[in-house]
Amino acid sequence: MNRRLPTSPLPVSNPTHIFLRNVPQCTTPGDIRRALMRAEIKGVADVSRLYKHFRPQKKVLITMSLPDYTPDALRAAKDVHILGFPLDVDVVHNRDVVLTSDPKHGDGPSAGVVPGRTVTLAGLPGRSTYAHVRQLLKGFEFEKIIAVPLEHKKFSLYSRFAIEMASESEAQRLRK
């Protein structure tokens, strides 16, 4: 008997992460958490939106507090609708691929930065410097500025910076 091995990675024995796909881009992690609470899904430890280059993707990563909650959460999440859209639900099989985050490029769960305290400034002139951004942020308390590099072989007339603010209230103040 010559059986072929599966080409996909082997499933995790005790999965604690769930993928939600086709999530509307205007949905926040708080909206998703409320929808999961309405569906009476228990054991949700964290809800993180996946980002690519500081842009939200249509995917969300749900972290369960214990693997025991995952099967029930999978069944219940299949009936969850957000803004009228049904969600595709799947268990995360290869946890290392999903959980890798790159804060310099803004990839991964929560873009690899501190959620709620990081603000992305986009649309600045292409050759903007750190000094120029510091001048724009005069009067705000921030911890660090990260220049967001362009994707490989991409060109842009604009530059982007990710600013980690001192607190969530400072981040909200900057967003206004």
Foldseek 3Di string as FASTA:
>chain_A
DDDDDDPDAAADPQFFKKKKAQADQVDDQVLVVVLLVVLVQPQFDDKFFWDFQQGTHRMIMTGGNGSVSVVVSQVSLQPGDDPNHGIDMDTDGDVVVQQDADCLRQGHTNSPDDPLQKDKDKDAAPPDDPVNVVVVCPPFAFDDKHWHDDDPPDDDRMTMIMTGGPDNVSVVVVVD
